[in-house]
Amino acid sequence: MRYLITTLVFCLPMQTNAHPHVFIDTGLEFIVDEAGQLTHVRVTWAYDEFYSLLVLEEMKLDQDADGFLTESEEKVLTGFDTQWVEGYNGDLVVTADGNPVALSGPMEAYATAEDGRIVTTHLRAVEAGAVPATALSAKAFDETFYTAYEVTRPVTVTGPATCHMDRFDPDIDGQLAQMQAFLLTLDADYDLEENDIPLVGESFATEIRISCPAT
């Protein structure tokens, strides 16, 4: 998948390829209560090796270059990716019965390094307190596609309720073909910054659907 996404990026005009692309392996934990309602979502992000190296070097961490951090280094790193601007959705969209679920900002942040890759976790609460988890949908994506999220780490449901989970992966080849076909229609002088930049992130997002019986 990363090869295909990289192919797409290099097909885009230079205006959208001016910054390094970030790849994040993602994991999700959905926390439900005894009534089968969603109360929290815990998110895991494992950053690609190159981006991790840039961050660790900038913060002067892992000076022995063994790919792992000491406890004191973890404390310094923790929170580097949870200083969110107002309105940022954390690149996570959750719906219940098709209606958006408002989530809090990140809590209980933690960061470490595994074989040179930064791995972070944070917890987000359902702002309404809880919502029925009878028909949940979740997608991790950056709509601008500056960051590519791939759900490769565990996706779990935690709680007393017995829940059913399905995973729907995107049609990468099909989406690439559509995007490339669109690019071929553009004039060589077309300025994506002055016009509408296609927001393709959701097209490449894995969807997780969860159904927990109401009690």
N, C-alpha and C. Protein backbone atom coordinates (compact mmCIF):
# COMPACT_ATOMS: atom_id res chain seq x y z
N MET A 1 0.82 -1.20 0.00
CA MET A 1 0.00 0.00 0.00
C MET A 1 0.86 1.26 0.00
N ARG A 2 1.95 1.26 0.76
CA ARG A 2 2.79 2.46 0.81
C ARG A 2 3.39 2.76 -0.55
N TYR A 3 3.76 1.72 -1.31
CA TYR A 3 4.32 1.94 -2.64
C TYR A 3 3.29 2.60 -3.54
N LEU A 4 2.04 2.13 -3.46
CA LEU A 4 0.99 2.69 -4.29
C LEU A 4 0.70 4.13 -3.92
N ILE A 5 0.67 4.43 -2.61
CA ILE A 5 0.40 5.79 -2.17
C ILE A 5 1.52 6.72 -2.62
N THR A 6 2.77 6.25 -2.50
CA THR A 6 3.90 7.06 -2.93
C THR A 6 3.81 7.34 -4.43
N THR A 7 3.37 6.36 -5.19
CA THR A 7 3.18 6.56 -6.62
C THR A 7 2.18 7.69 -6.87
N LEU A 8 1.10 7.69 -6.11
CA LEU A 8 0.11 8.75 -6.25
C LEU A 8 0.71 10.10 -5.93
N VAL A 9 1.46 10.20 -4.85
CA VAL A 9 2.05 11.47 -4.44
C VAL A 9 2.93 12.04 -5.54
N PHE A 10 3.75 11.21 -6.18
CA PHE A 10 4.65 11.71 -7.20
C PHE A 10 3.94 12.01 -8.51
N CYS A 11 2.68 11.58 -8.62
CA CYS A 11 1.88 11.96 -9.78
C CYS A 11 1.31 13.36 -9.64
N LEU A 12 1.27 13.88 -8.41
CA LEU A 12 0.67 15.18 -8.17
C LEU A 12 1.61 16.30 -8.56
N PRO A 13 1.07 17.46 -8.93
CA PRO A 13 1.92 18.61 -9.23
C PRO A 13 2.76 18.99 -8.03
N MET A 14 3.84 19.72 -8.27
CA MET A 14 4.81 20.03 -7.23
C MET A 14 4.21 20.83 -6.08
N GLN A 15 3.15 21.61 -6.33
CA GLN A 15 2.59 22.41 -5.26
C GLN A 15 2.15 21.56 -4.09
N THR A 16 1.63 20.33 -4.35
CA THR A 16 1.14 19.49 -3.28
C THR A 16 2.20 18.53 -2.78
N ASN A 17 3.36 18.56 -3.35
CA ASN A 17 4.41 17.63 -2.97
C ASN A 17 5.62 18.38 -2.38
N ALA A 18 5.34 19.59 -1.82
CA ALA A 18 6.42 20.45 -1.36
C ALA A 18 6.96 20.04 -0.01
N HIS A 19 6.24 19.22 0.74
CA HIS A 19 6.65 18.81 2.07
C HIS A 19 6.79 17.29 2.11
N PRO A 20 7.62 16.79 3.02
CA PRO A 20 7.76 15.32 3.12
C PRO A 20 6.45 14.69 3.55
N HIS A 21 6.19 13.54 2.99
CA HIS A 21 4.97 12.82 3.33
C HIS A 21 5.21 12.00 4.58
N VAL A 22 4.18 11.89 5.43
CA VAL A 22 4.29 11.14 6.68
C VAL A 22 3.37 9.92 6.61
N PHE A 23 3.91 8.76 6.95
CA PHE A 23 3.13 7.52 6.99
C PHE A 23 2.96 7.11 8.45
N ILE A 24 1.75 6.77 8.83
CA ILE A 24 1.47 6.37 10.20
C ILE A 24 0.70 5.06 10.21
N ASP A 25 1.27 4.05 10.88
CA ASP A 25 0.55 2.80 11.13
C ASP A 25 -0.34 3.04 12.35
N THR A 26 -1.61 2.73 12.20
CA THR A 26 -2.61 3.12 13.18
C THR A 26 -3.25 1.92 13.85
N GLY A 27 -3.54 2.09 15.15
CA GLY A 27 -4.31 1.11 15.91
C GLY A 27 -5.41 1.83 16.67
N LEU A 28 -6.51 1.13 16.92
CA LEU A 28 -7.66 1.73 17.60
C LEU A 28 -8.20 0.78 18.65
N GLU A 29 -8.54 1.34 19.80
CA GLU A 29 -9.22 0.59 20.85
C GLU A 29 -10.52 1.32 21.18
N PHE A 30 -11.63 0.64 20.96
CA PHE A 30 -12.94 1.22 21.27
C PHE A 30 -13.37 0.70 22.64
N ILE A 31 -13.66 1.61 23.54
CA ILE A 31 -14.00 1.25 24.92
C ILE A 31 -15.50 1.45 25.12
N VAL A 32 -16.19 0.37 25.47
CA VAL A 32 -17.64 0.42 25.65
C VAL A 32 -17.99 0.05 27.08
N ASP A 33 -19.15 0.54 27.52
CA ASP A 33 -19.58 0.27 28.89
C ASP A 33 -20.52 -0.93 28.94
N GLU A 34 -21.10 -1.18 30.12
CA GLU A 34 -21.95 -2.36 30.30
C GLU A 34 -23.22 -2.30 29.46
N ALA A 35 -23.62 -1.08 29.09
CA ALA A 35 -24.83 -0.93 28.28
C ALA A 35 -24.54 -1.01 26.79
N GLY A 36 -23.29 -1.32 26.44
CA GLY A 36 -22.92 -1.40 25.04
C GLY A 36 -22.81 -0.05 24.37
N GLN A 37 -22.41 0.96 25.13
CA GLN A 37 -22.24 2.30 24.59
C GLN A 37 -20.76 2.66 24.52
N LEU A 38 -20.40 3.36 23.46
CA LEU A 38 -19.02 3.80 23.30
C LEU A 38 -18.76 4.98 24.23
N THR A 39 -17.68 4.88 25.03
CA THR A 39 -17.32 5.97 25.95
C THR A 39 -15.99 6.62 25.59
N HIS A 40 -15.04 5.84 25.03
CA HIS A 40 -13.71 6.36 24.71
C HIS A 40 -13.15 5.63 23.49
N VAL A 41 -12.18 6.28 22.86
CA VAL A 41 -11.38 5.64 21.81
C VAL A 41 -9.92 5.92 22.12
N ARG A 42 -9.14 4.85 22.17
CA ARG A 42 -7.70 5.01 22.36
C ARG A 42 -7.02 4.80 21.00
N VAL A 43 -6.14 5.74 20.65
CA VAL A 43 -5.52 5.75 19.33
C VAL A 43 -4.02 5.51 19.46
N THR A 44 -3.50 4.64 18.61
CA THR A 44 -2.06 4.40 18.54
C THR A 44 -1.55 4.84 17.19
N TRP A 45 -0.47 5.62 17.20
CA TRP A 45 0.19 6.05 15.97
C TRP A 45 1.64 5.59 15.99
N ALA A 46 2.06 4.86 14.97
CA ALA A 46 3.46 4.47 14.80
C ALA A 46 3.98 5.16 13.55
N TYR A 47 4.87 6.12 13.76
CA TYR A 47 5.36 6.95 12.66
C TYR A 47 6.42 6.21 11.84
N ASP A 48 6.52 6.57 10.55
CA ASP A 48 7.51 5.94 9.68
C ASP A 48 8.92 6.30 10.15
N GLU A 49 9.88 5.51 9.69
CA GLU A 49 11.26 5.63 10.17
C GLU A 49 11.87 7.00 9.89
N PHE A 50 11.61 7.54 8.71
CA PHE A 50 12.24 8.81 8.34
C PHE A 50 11.70 9.95 9.20
N TYR A 51 10.38 10.04 9.32
CA TYR A 51 9.80 11.10 10.14
C TYR A 51 10.25 10.96 11.59
N SER A 52 10.28 9.72 12.08
CA SER A 52 10.74 9.49 13.46
C SER A 52 12.15 10.00 13.66
N LEU A 53 13.01 9.72 12.68
CA LEU A 53 14.40 10.17 12.77
C LEU A 53 14.46 11.69 12.85
N LEU A 54 13.67 12.37 12.02
CA LEU A 54 13.67 13.83 12.02
C LEU A 54 13.26 14.37 13.39
N VAL A 55 12.21 13.80 13.97
CA VAL A 55 11.72 14.29 15.26
C VAL A 55 12.73 14.01 16.36
N LEU A 56 13.27 12.79 16.39
CA LEU A 56 14.23 12.43 17.44
C LEU A 56 15.48 13.29 17.35
N GLU A 57 15.93 13.55 16.14
CA GLU A 57 17.13 14.39 15.99
C GLU A 57 16.84 15.82 16.42
N GLU A 58 15.68 16.34 16.04
CA GLU A 58 15.33 17.71 16.40
C GLU A 58 15.22 17.87 17.91
N MET A 59 14.70 16.83 18.59
CA MET A 59 14.53 16.91 20.03
C MET A 59 15.74 16.38 20.79
N LYS A 60 16.77 15.97 20.02
CA LYS A 60 18.02 15.46 20.61
C LYS A 60 17.76 14.28 21.53
N LEU A 61 16.97 13.34 21.04
CA LEU A 61 16.66 12.11 21.76
C LEU A 61 17.31 10.92 21.08
N ASP A 62 17.41 9.81 21.81
CA ASP A 62 18.05 8.59 21.30
C ASP A 62 19.46 8.90 20.80
N GLN A 63 20.24 9.56 21.64
CA GLN A 63 21.58 9.96 21.25
C GLN A 63 22.51 8.78 21.04
N ASP A 64 22.18 7.62 21.64
CA ASP A 64 23.02 6.44 21.41
C ASP A 64 22.59 5.68 20.16
N ALA A 65 21.52 6.15 19.50
CA ALA A 65 21.06 5.59 18.21
C ALA A 65 20.76 4.10 18.28
N ASP A 66 20.23 3.63 19.40
CA ASP A 66 19.87 2.21 19.48
C ASP A 66 18.41 1.97 19.11
N GLY A 67 17.69 3.03 18.78
CA GLY A 67 16.30 2.87 18.36
C GLY A 67 15.30 2.83 19.48
N PHE A 68 15.77 2.98 20.73
CA PHE A 68 14.87 2.93 21.88
C PHE A 68 15.15 4.14 22.77
N LEU A 69 14.19 4.46 23.63
CA LEU A 69 14.31 5.62 24.49
C LEU A 69 14.38 5.21 25.95
N THR A 70 15.07 6.03 26.72
CA THR A 70 15.06 5.84 28.17
C THR A 70 13.75 6.40 28.72
N GLU A 71 13.47 6.12 29.97
CA GLU A 71 12.24 6.63 30.58
C GLU A 71 12.21 8.15 30.57
N SER A 72 13.33 8.77 30.85
CA SER A 72 13.38 10.24 30.85
C SER A 72 13.19 10.79 29.44
N GLU A 73 13.71 10.10 28.43
CA GLU A 73 13.52 10.54 27.05
C GLU A 73 12.07 10.40 26.63
N GLU A 74 11.40 9.33 27.09
CA GLU A 74 9.98 9.15 26.78
C GLU A 74 9.15 10.31 27.33
N LYS A 75 9.52 10.78 28.52
CA LYS A 75 8.79 11.90 29.12
C LYS A 75 8.95 13.17 28.29
N VAL A 76 10.14 13.37 27.75
CA VAL A 76 10.38 14.55 26.90
C VAL A 76 9.56 14.45 25.61
N LEU A 77 9.52 13.26 25.03
CA LEU A 77 8.84 13.06 23.76
C LEU A 77 7.32 13.09 23.90
N THR A 78 6.81 12.59 25.02
CA THR A 78 5.37 12.47 25.21
C THR A 78 4.67 13.83 25.06
N GLY A 79 3.67 13.84 24.22
CA GLY A 79 2.90 15.06 23.99
C GLY A 79 3.32 15.85 22.79
N PHE A 80 4.39 15.41 22.10
CA PHE A 80 4.84 16.21 20.96
C PHE A 80 3.79 16.26 19.84
N ASP A 81 2.92 15.27 19.77
CA ASP A 81 1.91 15.23 18.71
C ASP A 81 0.49 15.43 19.23
N THR A 82 0.36 15.97 20.44
CA THR A 82 -0.98 16.20 20.99
C THR A 82 -1.25 17.67 21.26
N GLN A 83 -0.43 18.55 20.70
CA GLN A 83 -0.67 19.99 20.82
C GLN A 83 -1.52 20.43 19.62
N TRP A 84 -2.80 20.13 19.68
CA TRP A 84 -3.68 20.31 18.54
C TRP A 84 -4.26 21.71 18.48
N VAL A 85 -4.39 22.23 17.28
CA VAL A 85 -5.04 23.52 17.10
C VAL A 85 -6.55 23.33 17.24
N GLU A 86 -7.23 24.40 17.57
CA GLU A 86 -8.68 24.32 17.75
C GLU A 86 -9.35 23.89 16.45
N GLY A 87 -10.26 22.95 16.59
CA GLY A 87 -11.00 22.47 15.43
C GLY A 87 -10.41 21.25 14.76
N TYR A 88 -9.18 20.87 15.15
CA TYR A 88 -8.55 19.69 14.56
C TYR A 88 -9.25 18.44 15.08
N ASN A 89 -9.62 17.54 14.20
CA ASN A 89 -10.37 16.35 14.61
C ASN A 89 -9.49 15.15 14.93
N GLY A 90 -8.17 15.36 14.97
CA GLY A 90 -7.29 14.24 15.28
C GLY A 90 -7.18 13.23 14.17
N ASP A 91 -7.60 13.64 12.97
CA ASP A 91 -7.58 12.74 11.81
C ASP A 91 -8.32 11.44 12.10
N LEU A 92 -9.41 11.56 12.85
CA LEU A 92 -10.25 10.41 13.16
C LEU A 92 -11.70 10.83 13.09
N VAL A 93 -12.48 10.13 12.27
CA VAL A 93 -13.91 10.42 12.13
C VAL A 93 -14.69 9.19 12.61
N VAL A 94 -15.51 9.42 13.61
CA VAL A 94 -16.36 8.35 14.16
C VAL A 94 -17.81 8.76 14.01
N THR A 95 -18.64 7.84 13.54
CA THR A 95 -20.07 8.10 13.43
C THR A 95 -20.84 6.98 14.12
N ALA A 96 -22.03 7.32 14.59
CA ALA A 96 -22.95 6.35 15.18
C ALA A 96 -24.28 6.48 14.45
N ASP A 97 -24.71 5.41 13.81
CA ASP A 97 -25.92 5.45 12.98
C ASP A 97 -25.85 6.58 11.96
N GLY A 98 -24.63 6.85 11.43
CA GLY A 98 -24.45 7.86 10.42
C GLY A 98 -24.29 9.27 10.94
N ASN A 99 -24.41 9.47 12.26
CA ASN A 99 -24.27 10.79 12.85
C ASN A 99 -22.89 10.97 13.45
N PRO A 100 -22.24 12.12 13.24
CA PRO A 100 -20.89 12.33 13.78
C PRO A 100 -20.87 12.21 15.29
N VAL A 101 -19.82 11.59 15.80
CA VAL A 101 -19.59 11.48 17.24
C VAL A 101 -18.49 12.45 17.62
N ALA A 102 -18.82 13.42 18.46
CA ALA A 102 -17.83 14.41 18.89
C ALA A 102 -16.91 13.78 19.95
N LEU A 103 -15.61 13.89 19.72
CA LEU A 103 -14.63 13.34 20.65
C LEU A 103 -13.83 14.47 21.29
N SER A 104 -13.37 14.23 22.50
CA SER A 104 -12.55 15.21 23.19
C SER A 104 -11.17 15.30 22.57
N GLY A 105 -10.40 16.26 23.03
CA GLY A 105 -9.00 16.32 22.66
C GLY A 105 -8.24 15.17 23.30
N PRO A 106 -6.95 15.03 22.98
CA PRO A 106 -6.18 13.89 23.47
C PRO A 106 -5.89 13.96 24.97
N MET A 107 -6.04 12.80 25.62
CA MET A 107 -5.73 12.65 27.04
C MET A 107 -4.80 11.45 27.21
N GLU A 108 -4.19 11.36 28.38
CA GLU A 108 -3.34 10.21 28.73
C GLU A 108 -2.32 9.91 27.64
N ALA A 109 -1.67 10.94 27.15
CA ALA A 109 -0.69 10.76 26.08
C ALA A 109 0.53 9.99 26.57
N TYR A 110 1.08 9.19 25.67
CA TYR A 110 2.31 8.44 25.97
C TYR A 110 3.08 8.28 24.67
N ALA A 111 4.39 8.35 24.76
CA ALA A 111 5.23 8.19 23.56
C ALA A 111 6.47 7.39 23.89
N THR A 112 6.89 6.57 22.94
CA THR A 112 8.11 5.79 23.08
C THR A 112 8.71 5.59 21.70
N ALA A 113 9.70 4.73 21.61
CA ALA A 113 10.28 4.38 20.31
C ALA A 113 10.49 2.88 20.26
N GLU A 114 10.18 2.31 19.11
CA GLU A 114 10.35 0.87 18.89
C GLU A 114 11.19 0.69 17.63
N ASP A 115 12.40 0.21 17.80
CA ASP A 115 13.30 0.01 16.66
C ASP A 115 13.43 1.27 15.81
N GLY A 116 13.54 2.41 16.47
CA GLY A 116 13.74 3.65 15.76
C GLY A 116 12.48 4.35 15.29
N ARG A 117 11.33 3.74 15.51
CA ARG A 117 10.06 4.35 15.11
C ARG A 117 9.35 4.89 16.34
N ILE A 118 8.90 6.13 16.25
CA ILE A 118 8.13 6.72 17.33
C ILE A 118 6.74 6.11 17.35
N VAL A 119 6.31 5.70 18.54
CA VAL A 119 4.98 5.14 18.73
C VAL A 119 4.30 5.91 19.85
N THR A 120 3.13 6.47 19.57
CA THR A 120 2.43 7.24 20.58
C THR A 120 1.01 6.72 20.75
N THR A 121 0.45 6.99 21.92
CA THR A 121 -0.96 6.67 22.18
C THR A 121 -1.61 7.86 22.87
N HIS A 122 -2.90 8.01 22.64
CA HIS A 122 -3.68 8.99 23.37
C HIS A 122 -5.12 8.50 23.45
N LEU A 123 -5.82 8.99 24.46
CA LEU A 123 -7.20 8.59 24.72
C LEU A 123 -8.13 9.76 24.42
N ARG A 124 -9.27 9.46 23.80
CA ARG A 124 -10.26 10.49 23.52
C ARG A 124 -11.62 10.04 24.05
N ALA A 125 -12.29 10.94 24.74
CA ALA A 125 -13.60 10.62 25.33
C ALA A 125 -14.72 11.08 24.41
N VAL A 126 -15.81 10.34 24.44
CA VAL A 126 -17.02 10.78 23.75
C VAL A 126 -17.58 11.97 24.51
N GLU A 127 -17.71 13.10 23.85
CA GLU A 127 -18.08 14.33 24.55
C GLU A 127 -19.49 14.27 25.12
N ALA A 128 -20.35 13.46 24.53
CA ALA A 128 -21.71 13.33 25.05
C ALA A 128 -21.77 12.39 26.26
N GLY A 129 -20.62 11.85 26.63
CA GLY A 129 -20.55 10.89 27.74
C GLY A 129 -20.53 9.47 27.22
N ALA A 130 -21.45 9.15 26.34
CA ALA A 130 -21.50 7.83 25.71
C ALA A 130 -22.52 7.89 24.58
N VAL A 131 -22.31 7.04 23.57
CA VAL A 131 -23.28 6.92 22.48
C VAL A 131 -23.50 5.44 22.22
N PRO A 132 -24.71 5.05 21.80
CA PRO A 132 -24.96 3.65 21.49
C PRO A 132 -23.98 3.13 20.45
N ALA A 133 -23.43 1.96 20.71
CA ALA A 133 -22.45 1.38 19.80
C ALA A 133 -23.08 0.30 18.94
N THR A 134 -24.34 0.48 18.61
CA THR A 134 -25.03 -0.52 17.79
C THR A 134 -24.64 -0.44 16.32
N ALA A 135 -24.20 0.73 15.88
CA ALA A 135 -23.80 0.90 14.47
C ALA A 135 -22.74 1.98 14.40
N LEU A 136 -21.52 1.63 14.80
CA LEU A 136 -20.41 2.58 14.80
C LEU A 136 -19.58 2.43 13.53
N SER A 137 -19.04 3.54 13.06
CA SER A 137 -18.10 3.52 11.95
C SER A 137 -16.95 4.44 12.31
N ALA A 138 -15.72 4.03 12.00
CA ALA A 138 -14.55 4.84 12.30
C ALA A 138 -13.57 4.79 11.14
N LYS A 139 -13.04 5.97 10.79
CA LYS A 139 -12.03 6.08 9.75
C LYS A 139 -10.91 7.00 10.25
N ALA A 140 -9.68 6.57 10.06
CA ALA A 140 -8.52 7.41 10.38
C ALA A 140 -7.94 7.92 9.07
N PHE A 141 -7.98 9.24 8.87
CA PHE A 141 -7.45 9.80 7.63
C PHE A 141 -7.23 11.29 7.76
N ASP A 142 -6.29 11.78 6.97
CA ASP A 142 -6.06 13.21 6.78
C ASP A 142 -6.63 13.55 5.41
N GLU A 143 -7.65 14.40 5.39
CA GLU A 143 -8.34 14.64 4.11
C GLU A 143 -7.43 15.26 3.06
N THR A 144 -6.38 15.98 3.48
CA THR A 144 -5.46 16.58 2.52
C THR A 144 -4.43 15.59 2.02
N PHE A 145 -4.33 14.44 2.68
CA PHE A 145 -3.39 13.38 2.34
C PHE A 145 -1.93 13.78 2.57
N TYR A 146 -1.72 14.82 3.39
CA TYR A 146 -0.34 15.14 3.80
C TYR A 146 0.21 13.98 4.63
N THR A 147 -0.67 13.41 5.47
CA THR A 147 -0.32 12.23 6.27
C THR A 147 -1.16 11.06 5.80
N ALA A 148 -0.51 9.92 5.60
CA ALA A 148 -1.21 8.70 5.18
C ALA A 148 -1.32 7.75 6.38
N TYR A 149 -2.54 7.39 6.71
CA TYR A 149 -2.79 6.48 7.82
C TYR A 149 -3.13 5.10 7.27
N GLU A 150 -2.48 4.09 7.82
CA GLU A 150 -2.78 2.71 7.43
C GLU A 150 -3.06 1.91 8.70
N VAL A 151 -4.21 1.25 8.76
CA VAL A 151 -4.61 0.53 9.96
C VAL A 151 -3.94 -0.84 9.96
N THR A 152 -2.73 -0.87 10.49
CA THR A 152 -1.95 -2.11 10.52
C THR A 152 -1.73 -2.62 11.94
N ARG A 153 -2.00 -1.79 12.92
CA ARG A 153 -1.85 -2.20 14.32
C ARG A 153 -3.20 -2.68 14.83
N PRO A 154 -3.22 -3.31 16.02
CA PRO A 154 -4.46 -3.94 16.48
C PRO A 154 -5.65 -2.97 16.58
N VAL A 155 -6.81 -3.48 16.22
CA VAL A 155 -8.08 -2.79 16.41
C VAL A 155 -8.92 -3.68 17.32
N THR A 156 -9.30 -3.16 18.48
CA THR A 156 -9.98 -3.98 19.49
C THR A 156 -11.17 -3.23 20.08
N VAL A 157 -12.04 -4.01 20.71
CA VAL A 157 -13.14 -3.46 21.50
C VAL A 157 -12.94 -3.94 22.93
N THR A 158 -12.92 -3.01 23.88
CA THR A 158 -12.71 -3.34 25.28
C THR A 158 -13.96 -3.00 26.08
N GLY A 159 -14.42 -3.96 26.87
CA GLY A 159 -15.61 -3.74 27.68
C GLY A 159 -16.39 -5.02 27.85
N PRO A 160 -17.40 -4.97 28.69
CA PRO A 160 -18.16 -6.20 28.99
C PRO A 160 -19.08 -6.64 27.86
N ALA A 161 -19.43 -5.73 26.98
CA ALA A 161 -20.35 -6.09 25.90
C ALA A 161 -19.66 -6.95 24.86
N THR A 162 -20.43 -7.87 24.26
CA THR A 162 -19.93 -8.67 23.15
C THR A 162 -20.24 -7.95 21.85
N CYS A 163 -19.20 -7.53 21.15
CA CYS A 163 -19.39 -6.70 19.97
C CYS A 163 -18.88 -7.40 18.71
N HIS A 164 -19.49 -7.07 17.61
CA HIS A 164 -19.06 -7.59 16.31
C HIS A 164 -18.33 -6.48 15.57
N MET A 165 -17.21 -6.83 14.95
CA MET A 165 -16.40 -5.84 14.26
C MET A 165 -16.10 -6.29 12.84
N ASP A 166 -16.21 -5.36 11.89
CA ASP A 166 -15.88 -5.62 10.49
C ASP A 166 -14.88 -4.57 10.02
N ARG A 167 -14.08 -4.95 9.05
CA ARG A 167 -13.08 -4.06 8.47
C ARG A 167 -13.29 -4.00 6.97
N PHE A 168 -13.26 -2.77 6.43
CA PHE A 168 -13.44 -2.57 5.00
C PHE A 168 -12.26 -1.75 4.49
N ASP A 169 -11.38 -2.41 3.76
CA ASP A 169 -10.20 -1.74 3.23
C ASP A 169 -10.53 -1.04 1.91
N PRO A 170 -9.85 0.08 1.63
CA PRO A 170 -10.15 0.84 0.41
C PRO A 170 -9.66 0.12 -0.84
N ASP A 171 -10.26 0.48 -1.95
CA ASP A 171 -9.82 -0.02 -3.26
C ASP A 171 -8.69 0.89 -3.74
N ILE A 172 -7.47 0.57 -3.33
CA ILE A 172 -6.32 1.44 -3.63
C ILE A 172 -6.14 1.59 -5.14
N ASP A 173 -6.14 0.48 -5.86
CA ASP A 173 -5.93 0.55 -7.31
C ASP A 173 -7.01 1.41 -7.98
N GLY A 174 -8.25 1.21 -7.59
CA GLY A 174 -9.34 1.96 -8.18
C GLY A 174 -9.24 3.45 -7.89
N GLN A 175 -8.91 3.79 -6.64
CA GLN A 175 -8.79 5.19 -6.27
C GLN A 175 -7.61 5.86 -6.97
N LEU A 176 -6.51 5.11 -7.10
CA LEU A 176 -5.35 5.64 -7.82
C LEU A 176 -5.71 5.93 -9.27
N ALA A 177 -6.43 5.00 -9.89
CA ALA A 177 -6.82 5.19 -11.29
C ALA A 177 -7.69 6.43 -11.45
N GLN A 178 -8.62 6.63 -10.52
CA GLN A 178 -9.49 7.81 -10.60
C GLN A 178 -8.67 9.09 -10.43
N MET A 179 -7.73 9.08 -9.48
CA MET A 179 -6.94 10.27 -9.23
C MET A 179 -6.04 10.59 -10.43
N GLN A 180 -5.42 9.56 -10.99
CA GLN A 180 -4.55 9.77 -12.13
C GLN A 180 -5.34 10.26 -13.34
N ALA A 181 -6.55 9.72 -13.50
CA ALA A 181 -7.40 10.17 -14.61
C ALA A 181 -7.75 11.65 -14.44
N PHE A 182 -8.01 12.05 -13.19
CA PHE A 182 -8.32 13.46 -12.94
C PHE A 182 -7.12 14.34 -13.26
N LEU A 183 -5.92 13.92 -12.85
CA LEU A 183 -4.72 14.72 -13.09
C LEU A 183 -4.47 14.90 -14.58
N LEU A 184 -4.80 13.88 -15.37
CA LEU A 184 -4.57 13.97 -16.81
C LEU A 184 -5.48 14.99 -17.47
N THR A 185 -6.57 15.36 -16.78
CA THR A 185 -7.48 16.36 -17.36
C THR A 185 -7.02 17.78 -17.09
N LEU A 186 -6.01 17.96 -16.24
CA LEU A 186 -5.58 19.31 -15.86
C LEU A 186 -4.60 19.89 -16.86
N ASP A 187 -4.70 21.17 -17.03
CA ASP A 187 -3.72 21.88 -17.86
C ASP A 187 -2.38 21.92 -17.14
N ALA A 188 -1.30 21.96 -17.89
CA ALA A 188 0.04 21.96 -17.29
C ALA A 188 0.25 23.16 -16.38
N ASP A 189 -0.47 24.25 -16.62
CA ASP A 189 -0.31 25.47 -15.81
C ASP A 189 -1.35 25.57 -14.70
N TYR A 190 -2.12 24.52 -14.50
CA TYR A 190 -3.17 24.54 -13.46
C TYR A 190 -2.52 24.66 -12.09
N ASP A 191 -2.97 25.62 -11.29
CA ASP A 191 -2.41 25.86 -9.96
C ASP A 191 -3.36 25.30 -8.91
N LEU A 192 -2.95 24.19 -8.29
CA LEU A 192 -3.80 23.56 -7.30
C LEU A 192 -3.97 24.42 -6.05
N GLU A 193 -2.99 25.28 -5.76
CA GLU A 193 -3.09 26.12 -4.58
C GLU A 193 -4.12 27.23 -4.75
N GLU A 194 -4.30 27.69 -5.98
CA GLU A 194 -5.26 28.74 -6.23
C GLU A 194 -6.64 28.19 -6.55
N ASN A 195 -6.72 26.91 -6.81
CA ASN A 195 -7.99 26.27 -7.10
C ASN A 195 -8.28 25.23 -6.02
N ASP A 196 -9.32 24.47 -6.21
CA ASP A 196 -9.69 23.47 -5.22
C ASP A 196 -8.76 22.27 -5.32
N ILE A 197 -8.02 22.03 -4.24
CA ILE A 197 -7.16 20.86 -4.18
C ILE A 197 -8.02 19.63 -3.86
N PRO A 198 -7.95 18.58 -4.64
CA PRO A 198 -8.76 17.40 -4.35
C PRO A 198 -8.44 16.84 -2.97
N LEU A 199 -9.47 16.65 -2.14
CA LEU A 199 -9.29 16.09 -0.81
C LEU A 199 -9.52 14.59 -0.91
N VAL A 200 -8.43 13.87 -1.08
CA VAL A 200 -8.52 12.44 -1.41
C VAL A 200 -8.30 11.53 -0.22
N GLY A 201 -7.99 12.10 0.94
CA GLY A 201 -7.61 11.27 2.08
C GLY A 201 -8.61 10.20 2.45
N GLU A 202 -9.89 10.56 2.49
CA GLU A 202 -10.90 9.59 2.90
C GLU A 202 -11.01 8.44 1.91
N SER A 203 -10.70 8.69 0.66
CA SER A 203 -10.79 7.64 -0.36
C SER A 203 -9.83 6.49 -0.08
N PHE A 204 -8.75 6.78 0.67
CA PHE A 204 -7.75 5.76 0.96
C PHE A 204 -7.82 5.27 2.40
N ALA A 205 -8.95 5.54 3.06
CA ALA A 205 -9.09 5.20 4.48
C ALA A 205 -9.76 3.84 4.67
N THR A 206 -9.25 3.08 5.61
CA THR A 206 -9.90 1.84 6.04
C THR A 206 -11.06 2.19 6.96
N GLU A 207 -12.19 1.55 6.76
CA GLU A 207 -13.34 1.78 7.63
C GLU A 207 -13.49 0.60 8.59
N ILE A 208 -13.67 0.93 9.87
CA ILE A 208 -13.95 -0.06 10.90
C ILE A 208 -15.40 0.11 11.33
N ARG A 209 -16.17 -0.98 11.26
CA ARG A 209 -17.57 -0.93 11.70
C ARG A 209 -17.73 -1.84 12.90
N ILE A 210 -18.43 -1.33 13.90
CA ILE A 210 -18.61 -2.06 15.15
C ILE A 210 -20.08 -2.04 15.52
N SER A 211 -20.57 -3.19 15.98
CA SER A 211 -21.94 -3.29 16.44
C SER A 211 -21.94 -4.02 17.79
N CYS A 212 -22.43 -3.32 18.82
CA CYS A 212 -22.52 -3.91 20.16
C CYS A 212 -24.00 -3.97 20.54
N PRO A 213 -24.47 -5.09 21.05
CA PRO A 213 -25.89 -5.20 21.41
C PRO A 213 -26.24 -4.26 22.55
N ALA A 214 -27.35 -3.55 22.40
CA ALA A 214 -27.83 -2.65 23.45
C ALA A 214 -28.45 -3.48 24.57
N THR A 215 -28.26 -3.01 25.79
CA THR A 215 -28.84 -3.73 26.95
C THR A 215 -29.69 -2.79 27.76
